[in-house]
Amino acid sequence: MSARPFWKTKTLDEMTTAEWESLCDGCGRCCLNKLEDWDTGEIAWTNIGCRLLDGETCRCTDYANRQATVPDCIGLTPEKVGMISWLPPTCGYRLVAEGSDLYWWHHLVSGDPETVHQAGVSVRGRTVSERDVEVDDFEDYLVEWPGEEP
């Protein structure tokens, strides 16, 4: 009988750095710009990726320095996972925090980092860079899919 995977036996606080980092499924959805309605707190998703997001790999091009380069980049911590309403419903961090299992396409389950893209969950090929869009035009790039399950 094999041991249960760490994400089923540990809380987010109990994970090693390597385990924590491996929970990221590589979808890139959290790296999309979001607009918040100041009155209602409602989040509107755009398909505009952070200037550090590689739209093909769905990974940060400068992960180690992302918060220095992009001051409003939110570093995810176990404490913040439950407080961030805009984490996608498929996010590994969110799922584990809620006591749910990872989806079949998550690389920790499938063994293949490409399955997140094959399942249509990632932002691959569906974004524009914020370097190419004026902030005043962000509302022209609203989309529904980032906050939904595939």
Protein backbone atom coordinates (compact mmCIF):
# COMPACT_ATOMS: atom_id res chain seq x y z
CA MET A 1 0.00 0.00 0.00
CA SER A 2 1.44 3.36 -1.03
CA ALA A 3 1.64 6.40 1.21
CA ARG A 4 -0.95 9.11 0.75
CA PRO A 5 0.28 12.19 -1.12
CA PHE A 6 1.48 15.11 1.00
CA TRP A 7 -1.38 17.40 -0.08
CA LYS A 8 -3.83 14.94 1.47
CA THR A 9 -1.95 14.58 4.75
CA LYS A 10 -0.50 18.03 5.44
CA THR A 11 -1.98 21.47 5.93
CA LEU A 12 -0.54 24.32 3.90
CA ASP A 13 1.38 25.44 7.01
CA GLU A 14 2.98 22.01 7.40
CA MET A 15 4.36 21.78 3.87
CA THR A 16 8.01 22.16 3.00
CA THR A 17 8.96 24.94 0.60
CA ALA A 18 9.29 22.41 -2.22
CA GLU A 19 5.87 20.90 -1.48
CA TRP A 20 4.30 24.38 -1.28
CA GLU A 21 5.79 25.47 -4.59
CA SER A 22 4.70 22.23 -6.28
CA LEU A 23 1.05 22.97 -5.48
CA CYS A 24 1.09 25.61 -8.21
CA ASP A 25 -0.48 23.94 -11.23
CA GLY A 26 1.07 26.38 -13.69
CA CYS A 27 -2.24 27.70 -15.03
CA GLY A 28 -1.20 31.37 -14.85
CA ARG A 29 -4.70 32.55 -13.93
CA CYS A 30 -3.56 34.29 -10.76
CA CYS A 31 -1.18 36.37 -12.88
CA LEU A 32 -4.00 37.97 -14.85
CA ASN A 33 -4.98 41.53 -14.06
CA LYS A 34 -8.24 41.87 -12.21
CA LEU A 35 -10.47 44.89 -11.72
CA GLU A 36 -12.28 45.37 -8.43
CA ASP A 37 -15.50 47.30 -8.03
CA TRP A 38 -14.78 49.62 -5.11
CA ASP A 39 -18.43 49.66 -4.01
CA THR A 40 -19.25 45.94 -4.16
CA GLY A 41 -15.82 44.30 -3.99
CA GLU A 42 -16.77 42.26 -7.06
CA ILE A 43 -13.81 41.06 -9.09
CA ALA A 44 -13.82 41.32 -12.89
CA TRP A 45 -11.19 39.25 -14.68
CA THR A 46 -9.24 40.39 -17.72
CA ASN A 47 -7.13 38.37 -20.12
CA ILE A 48 -4.28 40.81 -19.54
CA GLY A 49 -1.27 39.04 -18.09
CA CYS A 50 1.22 40.59 -15.73
CA ARG A 51 4.23 41.95 -17.56
CA LEU A 52 6.26 39.05 -16.11
CA LEU A 53 3.87 36.32 -17.26
CA ASP A 54 5.06 34.22 -20.17
CA GLY A 55 1.82 33.58 -22.06
CA GLU A 56 3.05 30.28 -23.50
CA THR A 57 4.65 28.63 -20.46
CA CYS A 58 2.19 30.29 -18.05
CA ARG A 59 5.06 30.92 -15.66
CA CYS A 60 6.63 34.03 -14.22
CA THR A 61 9.73 35.10 -16.10
CA ASP A 62 11.34 36.48 -12.92
CA TYR A 63 9.70 34.54 -10.09
CA ALA A 64 12.46 35.15 -7.53
CA ASN A 65 12.26 38.93 -7.95
CA ARG A 66 8.60 39.31 -8.92
CA GLN A 67 7.54 41.36 -5.91
CA ALA A 68 10.40 43.82 -6.35
CA THR A 69 9.68 44.15 -10.07
CA VAL A 70 5.89 44.22 -9.71
CA PRO A 71 5.11 45.86 -6.35
CA ASP A 72 1.42 44.88 -6.43
CA CYS A 73 2.25 41.19 -6.97
CA ILE A 74 0.76 39.34 -4.03
CA GLY A 75 3.03 36.70 -2.57
CA LEU A 76 0.84 33.77 -1.69
CA THR A 77 1.18 32.38 1.84
CA PRO A 78 -0.86 29.82 3.76
CA GLU A 79 -2.45 32.68 5.68
CA LYS A 80 -3.43 34.58 2.54
CA VAL A 81 -4.94 31.63 0.64
CA GLY A 82 -8.21 31.78 2.56
CA MET A 83 -8.42 35.56 2.33
CA ILE A 84 -7.93 35.97 -1.41
CA SER A 85 -11.33 35.70 -3.06
CA TRP A 86 -10.02 35.76 -6.61
CA LEU A 87 -7.95 32.58 -6.51
CA PRO A 88 -9.38 30.41 -9.27
CA PRO A 89 -11.66 27.59 -8.10
CA THR A 90 -9.18 25.13 -9.62
CA CYS A 91 -6.14 26.54 -7.76
CA GLY A 92 -4.19 23.83 -5.94
CA TYR A 93 -3.58 26.08 -2.94
CA ARG A 94 -7.26 26.90 -2.64
CA LEU A 95 -8.34 23.27 -3.08
CA VAL A 96 -5.99 21.98 -0.40
CA ALA A 97 -6.96 24.79 1.99
CA GLU A 98 -10.62 23.83 1.49
CA GLY A 99 -9.92 20.14 2.08
CA SER A 100 -10.54 19.18 -1.54
CA ASP A 101 -8.39 17.01 -3.78
CA LEU A 102 -6.39 18.21 -6.77
CA TYR A 103 -7.88 17.79 -10.24
CA TRP A 104 -6.76 14.98 -12.55
CA TRP A 105 -4.83 17.41 -14.72
CA HIS A 106 -2.68 18.80 -11.88
CA HIS A 107 0.92 17.73 -12.49
CA LEU A 108 1.15 16.16 -9.02
CA VAL A 109 -1.69 13.82 -10.00
CA SER A 110 -1.02 13.33 -13.71
CA GLY A 111 2.76 13.37 -13.53
CA ASP A 112 2.86 15.72 -16.52
CA PRO A 113 3.05 19.54 -16.37
CA GLU A 114 1.39 19.73 -19.81
CA THR A 115 -1.97 18.32 -18.68
CA VAL A 116 -3.05 21.66 -17.19
CA HIS A 117 -2.75 23.09 -20.71
CA GLN A 118 -4.28 20.05 -22.43
CA ALA A 119 -7.29 20.29 -20.11
CA GLY A 120 -7.85 23.92 -21.15
CA VAL A 121 -7.34 25.25 -17.64
CA SER A 122 -4.33 27.44 -18.29
CA VAL A 123 -4.03 30.87 -19.86
CA ARG A 124 -1.76 29.53 -22.61
CA GLY A 125 -2.44 31.40 -25.84
CA ARG A 126 -5.31 33.42 -24.34
CA THR A 127 -3.59 36.51 -22.96
CA VAL A 128 -2.14 39.84 -23.91
CA SER A 129 0.63 41.46 -21.89
CA GLU A 130 -0.06 44.47 -19.75
CA ARG A 131 2.95 46.00 -21.52
CA ASP A 132 0.74 46.25 -24.62
CA VAL A 133 -2.43 47.68 -23.03
CA GLU A 134 -3.06 51.09 -21.53
CA VAL A 135 -4.51 50.91 -18.00
CA ASP A 136 -7.51 52.98 -19.13
CA ASP A 137 -8.30 50.26 -21.69
CA PHE A 138 -8.29 47.29 -19.26
CA GLU A 139 -12.10 47.22 -19.22
CA ASP A 140 -12.01 46.33 -22.91
CA TYR A 141 -10.35 43.01 -22.03
CA LEU A 142 -12.86 41.54 -19.57
CA VAL A 143 -13.34 37.77 -19.70
CA GLU A 144 -15.26 35.20 -17.67
CA TRP A 145 -13.14 32.06 -17.94
CA PRO A 146 -10.42 32.70 -15.34
CA GLY A 147 -12.84 32.46 -12.42
CA GLU A 148 -14.61 29.37 -13.70
CA GLU A 149 -13.93 25.68 -13.73
CA PRO A 150 -13.17 24.26 -17.17
